[in-house]
Amino acid sequence: MKYKTIIMSDVHLGSKASRAKDALKFLEENECNTLILNGDIIDMWAIRRGGKWKDSHTRFIKRILKLAKKTKVVYVVGNHDDFLEEFVPSNLSKIKIVKEHVFTDSKGRRLYVFHGDSIDVFVTKMKWLAIIGSIGYDIALWINRVYNKYRELRGLSYFSISQVIKSRVKSAVNFIGDFETCAVQLAQAKGCEIAVCGHIHQPALKKDYMNSGDWCESCSALVEDLSGNWQLVYFHAKRD
């Protein structure tokens, strides 16, 4: 499929939970004029904790480098790949490294793209607590992997335990709502109509807020077709 713009985030290369093989296949099967990587593509937090870097993770990076030769690639730095902040703003192998990105879509709407960690108080003010939360999320994903291997043997589809927890725990639901509200307000302050985030692993497509989700569970991306319409697409191939 050919798109004008593809926005992906939260691939978390270096984490055992990364669905890098799915993300790679998605990029191989879809073309675009502009590819925006909206943070946490590389998970340095997981790597520091002894995460597993797979061949598919290397192939994904190579794919991005190859695409950058003919496609505009913008890499928005997130919190898990904040080691790249020392390169902001710059161009590495034709990849634009930034902390935020503003562009106008085919219908004339201004979009403010940022990872989302800047409005997450647990990351900006209490980083140690965010790391603990990240470890807890890793545990939930490990349980997911074990449980879903059993489901695969039974011929059942993928089931996300952590997504169910997020949807049913009141504090998590409130956090997601507050996050979206803050994102929209920040985008408006930047003179933009739509806020585009990643970070919270919750895909969304709304009038003034969009979230590209993640490539640990959702395997989702935001795409702008050649007519300027935005869609939220999901992709699932074989697991690593």
C-alpha atoms as a PDB file:
ATOM      1  CA  MET A   1       0.000   0.000   0.000  1.00  0.00           C
ATOM      2  CA  LYS A   2       1.181   3.512  -0.799  1.00  0.00           C
ATOM      3  CA  TYR A   3       0.660   6.262   1.785  1.00  0.00           C
ATOM      4  CA  LYS A   4       1.600   9.904   2.022  1.00  0.00           C
ATOM      5  CA  THR A   5       2.590   9.613   5.699  1.00  0.00           C
ATOM      6  CA  ILE A   6       3.181   6.758   8.142  1.00  0.00           C
ATOM      7  CA  ILE A   7       3.607   7.393  11.870  1.00  0.00           C
ATOM      8  CA  MET A   8       4.959   4.606  14.089  1.00  0.00           C
ATOM      9  CA  SER A   9       6.112   4.633  17.707  1.00  0.00           C
ATOM     10  CA  ASP A  10       7.148   2.425  20.594  1.00  0.00           C
ATOM     11  CA  VAL A  11       8.837  -0.430  18.758  1.00  0.00           C
ATOM     12  CA  HIS A  12      11.074  -0.870  21.835  1.00  0.00           C
ATOM     13  CA  LEU A  13      14.001  -2.542  20.081  1.00  0.00           C
ATOM     14  CA  GLY A  14      16.133  -4.230  22.724  1.00  0.00           C
ATOM     15  CA  SER A  15      13.122  -5.300  24.743  1.00  0.00           C
ATOM     16  CA  LYS A  16      11.959  -8.913  24.764  1.00  0.00           C
ATOM     17  CA  ALA A  17       8.434  -7.622  24.163  1.00  0.00           C
ATOM     18  CA  SER A  18       9.303  -5.900  20.885  1.00  0.00           C
ATOM     19  CA  ARG A  19       7.381  -7.166  17.840  1.00  0.00           C
ATOM     20  CA  ALA A  20      10.201  -6.002  15.561  1.00  0.00           C
ATOM     21  CA  LYS A  21       9.504  -8.702  12.984  1.00  0.00           C
ATOM     22  CA  ASP A  22       5.938  -7.418  12.595  1.00  0.00           C
ATOM     23  CA  ALA A  23       7.135  -3.801  12.386  1.00  0.00           C
ATOM     24  CA  LEU A  24       9.705  -4.731   9.752  1.00  0.00           C
ATOM     25  CA  LYS A  25       7.181  -6.627   7.630  1.00  0.00           C
ATOM     26  CA  PHE A  26       4.770  -3.705   7.863  1.00  0.00           C
ATOM     27  CA  LEU A  27       7.409  -1.355   6.441  1.00  0.00           C
ATOM     28  CA  GLU A  28       8.287  -3.848   3.726  1.00  0.00           C
ATOM     29  CA  GLU A  29       4.652  -4.117   2.629  1.00  0.00           C
ATOM     30  CA  ASN A  30       3.810  -0.396   2.787  1.00  0.00           C
ATOM     31  CA  GLU A  31       5.403   2.644   1.153  1.00  0.00           C
ATOM     32  CA  CYS A  32       5.197   6.313   2.085  1.00  0.00           C
ATOM     33  CA  ASN A  33       6.573   9.729   1.214  1.00  0.00           C
ATOM     34  CA  THR A  34       7.260  10.536   4.872  1.00  0.00           C
ATOM     35  CA  LEU A  35       7.938   8.162   7.768  1.00  0.00           C
ATOM     36  CA  ILE A  36       7.708   9.604  11.276  1.00  0.00           C
ATOM     37  CA  LEU A  37       9.129   7.503  14.108  1.00  0.00           C
ATOM     38  CA  ASN A  38       7.499   8.978  17.193  1.00  0.00           C
ATOM     39  CA  GLY A  39       9.785   7.867  20.009  1.00  0.00           C
ATOM     40  CA  ASP A  40      10.845   4.753  21.924  1.00  0.00           C
ATOM     41  CA  ILE A  41      11.999   2.998  18.773  1.00  0.00           C
ATOM     42  CA  ILE A  42      15.070   1.804  20.681  1.00  0.00           C
ATOM     43  CA  ASP A  43      14.497   0.850  24.323  1.00  0.00           C
ATOM     44  CA  MET A  44      17.688   1.781  26.154  1.00  0.00           C
ATOM     45  CA  TRP A  45      15.976   1.218  29.513  1.00  0.00           C
ATOM     46  CA  ALA A  46      15.384  -2.442  28.606  1.00  0.00           C
ATOM     47  CA  ILE A  47      18.904  -2.830  27.215  1.00  0.00           C
ATOM     48  CA  ARG A  48      20.389  -1.532  30.480  1.00  0.00           C
ATOM     49  CA  ARG A  49      18.290  -4.099  32.355  1.00  0.00           C
ATOM     50  CA  GLY A  50      19.683  -6.911  30.202  1.00  0.00           C
ATOM     51  CA  GLY A  51      17.122  -6.859  27.410  1.00  0.00           C
ATOM     52  CA  LYS A  52      17.479  -9.086  24.366  1.00  0.00           C
ATOM     53  CA  TRP A  53      18.604  -7.596  21.035  1.00  0.00           C
ATOM     54  CA  LYS A  54      17.487  -9.894  18.207  1.00  0.00           C
ATOM     55  CA  ASP A  55      18.459 -10.163  14.565  1.00  0.00           C
ATOM     56  CA  SER A  56      15.043  -8.749  13.671  1.00  0.00           C
ATOM     57  CA  HIS A  57      15.883  -5.617  15.667  1.00  0.00           C
ATOM     58  CA  THR A  58      19.013  -5.101  13.587  1.00  0.00           C
ATOM     59  CA  ARG A  59      17.065  -5.731  10.375  1.00  0.00           C
ATOM     60  CA  PHE A  60      14.512  -3.114  11.387  1.00  0.00           C
ATOM     61  CA  ILE A  61      17.248  -0.493  11.871  1.00  0.00           C
ATOM     62  CA  LYS A  62      18.772  -1.426   8.514  1.00  0.00           C
ATOM     63  CA  ARG A  63      15.361  -1.050   6.888  1.00  0.00           C
ATOM     64  CA  ILE A  64      14.997   2.470   8.302  1.00  0.00           C
ATOM     65  CA  LEU A  65      18.459   3.430   7.053  1.00  0.00           C
ATOM     66  CA  LYS A  66      17.614   2.068   3.605  1.00  0.00           C
ATOM     67  CA  LEU A  67      14.290   3.911   3.508  1.00  0.00           C
ATOM     68  CA  ALA A  68      15.988   7.174   4.469  1.00  0.00           C
ATOM     69  CA  LYS A  69      17.834   7.149   1.134  1.00  0.00           C
ATOM     70  CA  LYS A  70      14.587   7.775  -0.762  1.00  0.00           C
ATOM     71  CA  THR A  71      11.995   8.606   1.919  1.00  0.00           C
ATOM     72  CA  LYS A  72      11.822  11.523   4.329  1.00  0.00           C
ATOM     73  CA  VAL A  73      12.401  10.010   7.775  1.00  0.00           C
ATOM     74  CA  VAL A  74      11.824  12.007  10.965  1.00  0.00           C
ATOM     75  CA  TYR A  75      12.838  10.479  14.301  1.00  0.00           C
ATOM     76  CA  VAL A  76      11.151  12.108  17.310  1.00  0.00           C
ATOM     77  CA  VAL A  77      13.054  11.197  20.469  1.00  0.00           C
ATOM     78  CA  GLY A  78      11.118   9.577  23.334  1.00  0.00           C
ATOM     79  CA  ASN A  79      12.015   8.759  26.927  1.00  0.00           C
ATOM     80  CA  HIS A  80      13.284   5.208  26.356  1.00  0.00           C
ATOM     81  CA  ASP A  81      15.608   6.420  23.574  1.00  0.00           C
ATOM     82  CA  ASP A  82      16.557   9.701  25.267  1.00  0.00           C
ATOM     83  CA  PHE A  83      20.245   8.935  24.627  1.00  0.00           C
ATOM     84  CA  LEU A  84      19.569  10.476  21.205  1.00  0.00           C
ATOM     85  CA  GLU A  85      18.724  13.855  22.737  1.00  0.00           C
ATOM     86  CA  GLU A  86      22.376  14.901  22.443  1.00  0.00           C
ATOM     87  CA  PHE A  87      21.896  14.763  18.663  1.00  0.00           C
ATOM     88  CA  VAL A  88      18.803  17.036  18.676  1.00  0.00           C
ATOM     89  CA  PRO A  89      18.409  18.687  16.243  1.00  0.00           C
ATOM     90  CA  SER A  90      20.556  17.045  13.609  1.00  0.00           C
ATOM     91  CA  ASN A  91      20.577  14.692  10.626  1.00  0.00           C
ATOM     92  CA  LEU A  92      22.074  11.227  10.986  1.00  0.00           C
ATOM     93  CA  SER A  93      22.304   9.166   7.787  1.00  0.00           C
ATOM     94  CA  LYS A  94      19.603  11.435   6.289  1.00  0.00           C
ATOM     95  CA  ILE A  95      17.324  10.817   9.304  1.00  0.00           C
ATOM     96  CA  LYS A  96      16.127  14.025  10.962  1.00  0.00           C
ATOM     97  CA  ILE A  97      16.487  13.724  14.756  1.00  0.00           C
ATOM     98  CA  VAL A  98      14.138  16.053  16.674  1.00  0.00           C
ATOM     99  CA  LYS A  99      12.275  16.380  19.954  1.00  0.00           C
ATOM    100  CA  GLU A 100       9.055  17.525  18.266  1.00  0.00           C
ATOM    101  CA  HIS A 101       7.789  17.845  14.713  1.00  0.00           C
ATOM    102  CA  VAL A 102       5.136  20.077  13.147  1.00  0.00           C
ATOM    103  CA  PHE A 103       3.769  19.493   9.662  1.00  0.00           C
ATOM    104  CA  THR A 104       0.677  20.193   7.565  1.00  0.00           C
ATOM    105  CA  ASP A 105      -1.308  17.305   6.120  1.00  0.00           C
ATOM    106  CA  SER A 106      -2.980  17.186   2.695  1.00  0.00           C
ATOM    107  CA  LYS A 107      -6.139  18.821   4.061  1.00  0.00           C
ATOM    108  CA  GLY A 108      -4.262  21.792   5.488  1.00  0.00           C
ATOM    109  CA  ARG A 109      -4.395  20.741   9.143  1.00  0.00           C
ATOM    110  CA  ARG A 110      -1.351  21.406  11.302  1.00  0.00           C
ATOM    111  CA  LEU A 111      -0.210  18.406  13.352  1.00  0.00           C
ATOM    112  CA  TYR A 112       2.023  18.604  16.402  1.00  0.00           C
ATOM    113  CA  VAL A 113       3.953  15.335  16.733  1.00  0.00           C
ATOM    114  CA  PHE A 114       5.717  14.565  20.017  1.00  0.00           C
ATOM    115  CA  HIS A 115       6.278  11.328  21.883  1.00  0.00           C
ATOM    116  CA  GLY A 116       4.237  12.291  24.948  1.00  0.00           C
ATOM    117  CA  ASP A 117       6.668  11.792  27.817  1.00  0.00           C
ATOM    118  CA  SER A 118       6.970  15.572  28.249  1.00  0.00           C
ATOM    119  CA  ILE A 119       3.440  15.688  29.690  1.00  0.00           C
ATOM    120  CA  ASP A 120       3.803  12.516  31.758  1.00  0.00           C
ATOM    121  CA  VAL A 121       4.544  13.781  35.282  1.00  0.00           C
ATOM    122  CA  PHE A 122       5.806  10.351  36.319  1.00  0.00           C
ATOM    123  CA  VAL A 123       8.538  10.611  33.690  1.00  0.00           C
ATOM    124  CA  THR A 124       9.439  14.294  33.962  1.00  0.00           C
ATOM    125  CA  LYS A 125       9.207  14.677  37.742  1.00  0.00           C
ATOM    126  CA  MET A 126       9.548  11.162  39.154  1.00  0.00           C
ATOM    127  CA  LYS A 127      11.730   9.210  36.739  1.00  0.00           C
ATOM    128  CA  TRP A 128      12.547   6.474  39.248  1.00  0.00           C
ATOM    129  CA  LEU A 129       8.821   5.739  39.611  1.00  0.00           C
ATOM    130  CA  ALA A 130       8.442   5.629  35.838  1.00  0.00           C
ATOM    131  CA  ILE A 131      11.224   3.030  35.656  1.00  0.00           C
ATOM    132  CA  ILE A 132       9.452   0.902  38.273  1.00  0.00           C
ATOM    133  CA  GLY A 133       6.258   1.210  36.214  1.00  0.00           C
ATOM    134  CA  SER A 134       8.177   0.161  33.118  1.00  0.00           C
ATOM    135  CA  ILE A 135       9.424  -2.953  34.897  1.00  0.00           C
ATOM    136  CA  GLY A 136       5.858  -3.779  35.957  1.00  0.00           C
ATOM    137  CA  TYR A 137       4.713  -3.389  32.355  1.00  0.00           C
ATOM    138  CA  ASP A 138       7.527  -5.703  31.227  1.00  0.00           C
ATOM    139  CA  ILE A 139       6.251  -8.319  33.686  1.00  0.00           C
ATOM    140  CA  ALA A 140       2.712  -7.955  32.314  1.00  0.00           C
ATOM    141  CA  LEU A 141       4.056  -8.412  28.780  1.00  0.00           C
ATOM    142  CA  TRP A 142       5.977 -11.528  29.881  1.00  0.00           C
ATOM    143  CA  ILE A 143       2.730 -12.977  31.263  1.00  0.00           C
ATOM    144  CA  ASN A 144       1.093 -12.063  27.947  1.00  0.00           C
ATOM    145  CA  ARG A 145       3.732 -13.960  25.981  1.00  0.00           C
ATOM    146  CA  VAL A 146       3.406 -17.102  28.076  1.00  0.00           C
ATOM    147  CA  TYR A 147      -0.402 -17.010  28.044  1.00  0.00           C
ATOM    148  CA  ASN A 148      -0.606 -16.323  24.317  1.00  0.00           C
ATOM    149  CA  LYS A 149       1.738 -19.188  23.457  1.00  0.00           C
ATOM    150  CA  TYR A 150      -0.867 -21.398  25.119  1.00  0.00           C
ATOM    151  CA  ARG A 151      -3.632 -19.653  23.134  1.00  0.00           C
ATOM    152  CA  GLU A 152      -1.706 -20.194  19.892  1.00  0.00           C
ATOM    153  CA  LEU A 153      -1.491 -23.921  20.630  1.00  0.00           C
ATOM    154  CA  ARG A 154      -5.266 -23.889  21.076  1.00  0.00           C
ATOM    155  CA  GLY A 155      -5.728 -21.986  17.802  1.00  0.00           C
ATOM    156  CA  LEU A 156      -6.962 -18.877  19.584  1.00  0.00           C
ATOM    157  CA  SER A 157      -6.184 -15.248  18.705  1.00  0.00           C
ATOM    158  CA  TYR A 158      -3.884 -12.907  20.659  1.00  0.00           C
ATOM    159  CA  PHE A 159      -5.319 -11.580  23.928  1.00  0.00           C
ATOM    160  CA  SER A 160      -3.777  -8.625  25.796  1.00  0.00           C
ATOM    161  CA  ILE A 161      -3.906  -8.951  29.555  1.00  0.00           C
ATOM    162  CA  SER A 162      -2.224  -5.582  30.138  1.00  0.00           C
ATOM    163  CA  GLN A 163      -4.717  -3.780  27.869  1.00  0.00           C
ATOM    164  CA  VAL A 164      -7.584  -5.252  29.883  1.00  0.00           C
ATOM    165  CA  ILE A 165      -5.943  -4.029  33.088  1.00  0.00           C
ATOM    166  CA  LYS A 166      -5.553  -0.542  31.615  1.00  0.00           C
ATOM    167  CA  SER A 167      -9.191  -0.432  30.527  1.00  0.00           C
ATOM    168  CA  ARG A 168     -10.576  -1.566  33.885  1.00  0.00           C
ATOM    169  CA  VAL A 169      -8.364   0.179  36.446  1.00  0.00           C
ATOM    170  CA  LYS A 170      -9.951   3.551  37.143  1.00  0.00           C
ATOM    171  CA  SER A 171      -6.649   5.350  37.740  1.00  0.00           C
ATOM    172  CA  ALA A 172      -5.312   4.114  34.390  1.00  0.00           C
ATOM    173  CA  VAL A 173      -8.471   5.213  32.558  1.00  0.00           C
ATOM    174  CA  ASN A 174      -8.284   8.641  34.222  1.00  0.00           C
ATOM    175  CA  PHE A 175      -4.600   8.947  33.345  1.00  0.00           C
ATOM    176  CA  ILE A 176      -5.244   8.217  29.666  1.00  0.00           C
ATOM    177  CA  GLY A 177      -8.040  10.799  29.582  1.00  0.00           C
ATOM    178  CA  ASP A 178      -5.879  13.426  31.275  1.00  0.00           C
ATOM    179  CA  PHE A 179      -2.999  12.590  28.942  1.00  0.00           C
ATOM    180  CA  GLU A 180      -5.130  13.169  25.860  1.00  0.00           C
ATOM    181  CA  THR A 181      -6.491  16.464  27.224  1.00  0.00           C
ATOM    182  CA  CYS A 182      -3.001  17.754  28.015  1.00  0.00           C
ATOM    183  CA  ALA A 183      -1.716  16.663  24.598  1.00  0.00           C
ATOM    184  CA  VAL A 184      -4.471  18.582  22.797  1.00  0.00           C
ATOM    185  CA  GLN A 185      -3.877  21.684  24.913  1.00  0.00           C
ATOM    186  CA  LEU A 186      -0.154  21.559  24.164  1.00  0.00           C
ATOM    187  CA  ALA A 187      -0.800  21.152  20.436  1.00  0.00           C
ATOM    188  CA  GLN A 188      -3.128  24.149  20.459  1.00  0.00           C
ATOM    189  CA  ALA A 189      -0.511  26.206  22.290  1.00  0.00           C
ATOM    190  CA  LYS A 190       1.866  25.317  19.438  1.00  0.00           C
ATOM    191  CA  GLY A 191      -0.667  26.615  16.918  1.00  0.00           C
ATOM    192  CA  CYS A 192      -1.706  23.142  15.763  1.00  0.00           C
ATOM    193  CA  GLU A 193      -5.097  21.467  15.386  1.00  0.00           C
ATOM    194  CA  ILE A 194      -4.129  17.873  16.104  1.00  0.00           C
ATOM    195  CA  ALA A 195      -1.871  16.327  18.765  1.00  0.00           C
ATOM    196  CA  VAL A 196      -0.037  13.157  17.701  1.00  0.00           C
ATOM    197  CA  CYS A 197       1.577  11.014  20.402  1.00  0.00           C
ATOM    198  CA  GLY A 198       2.868   7.561  21.250  1.00  0.00           C
ATOM    199  CA  HIS A 199       4.207   6.733  24.729  1.00  0.00           C
ATOM    200  CA  ILE A 200       1.107   5.282  26.455  1.00  0.00           C
ATOM    201  CA  HIS A 201       0.614   2.321  24.062  1.00  0.00           C
ATOM    202  CA  GLN A 202      -3.036   3.222  23.498  1.00  0.00           C
ATOM    203  CA  PRO A 203      -3.921   3.598  19.784  1.00  0.00           C
ATOM    204  CA  ALA A 204      -6.390   6.412  19.130  1.00  0.00           C
ATOM    205  CA  LEU A 205      -7.862   8.313  16.199  1.00  0.00           C
ATOM    206  CA  LYS A 206      -9.910  11.365  17.176  1.00  0.00           C
ATOM    207  CA  LYS A 207     -10.663  14.778  15.718  1.00  0.00           C
ATOM    208  CA  ASP A 208      -7.963  16.592  17.680  1.00  0.00           C
ATOM    209  CA  TYR A 209      -5.863  13.732  19.082  1.00  0.00           C
ATOM    210  CA  MET A 210      -4.180  10.692  17.548  1.00  0.00           C
ATOM    211  CA  ASN A 211      -1.936   8.030  19.035  1.00  0.00           C
ATOM    212  CA  SER A 212       0.075   5.560  16.957  1.00  0.00           C
ATOM    213  CA  GLY A 213      -0.013   2.890  19.673  1.00  0.00           C
ATOM    214  CA  ASP A 214       2.916   0.478  19.891  1.00  0.00           C
ATOM    215  CA  TRP A 215       4.698  -2.558  18.438  1.00  0.00           C
ATOM    216  CA  CYS A 216       4.716  -4.678  21.588  1.00  0.00           C
ATOM    217  CA  GLU A 217       1.016  -5.542  21.622  1.00  0.00           C
ATOM    218  CA  SER A 218      -1.182  -3.403  19.366  1.00  0.00           C
ATOM    219  CA  CYS A 219       1.139  -3.473  16.321  1.00  0.00           C
ATOM    220  CA  SER A 220      -0.512  -0.290  15.122  1.00  0.00           C
ATOM    221  CA  ALA A 221       0.385   2.770  13.056  1.00  0.00           C
ATOM    222  CA  LEU A 222      -1.221   5.977  11.884  1.00  0.00           C
ATOM    223  CA  VAL A 223      -1.358   6.425   8.124  1.00  0.00           C
ATOM    224  CA  GLU A 224      -2.372   9.329   5.895  1.00  0.00           C
ATOM    225  CA  ASP A 225      -3.609   8.168   2.514  1.00  0.00           C
ATOM    226  CA  LEU A 226      -2.991  10.044  -0.717  1.00  0.00           C
ATOM    227  CA  SER A 227      -6.308  11.905  -0.288  1.00  0.00           C
ATOM    228  CA  GLY A 228      -5.331  13.215   3.151  1.00  0.00           C
ATOM    229  CA  ASN A 229      -7.518  10.878   5.203  1.00  0.00           C
ATOM    230  CA  TRP A 230      -6.048   9.478   8.419  1.00  0.00           C
ATOM    231  CA  GLN A 231      -6.504   5.868   9.470  1.00  0.00           C
ATOM    232  CA  LEU A 232      -5.383   3.705  12.358  1.00  0.00           C
ATOM    233  CA  VAL A 233      -4.109   0.399  10.991  1.00  0.00           C
ATOM    234  CA  TYR A 234      -3.181  -2.812  12.771  1.00  0.00           C
ATOM    235  CA  PHE A 235      -0.715  -5.417  11.553  1.00  0.00           C
ATOM    236  CA  HIS A 236       0.081  -8.884  12.880  1.00  0.00           C
ATOM    237  CA  ALA A 237       2.546 -11.361  11.407  1.00  0.00           C
ATOM    238  CA  LYS A 238       4.521 -14.156  13.021  1.00  0.00           C
ATOM    239  CA  ARG A 239       6.072 -13.555  16.419  1.00  0.00           C
ATOM    240  CA  ASP A 240       9.838 -13.307  17.008  1.00  0.00           C
END
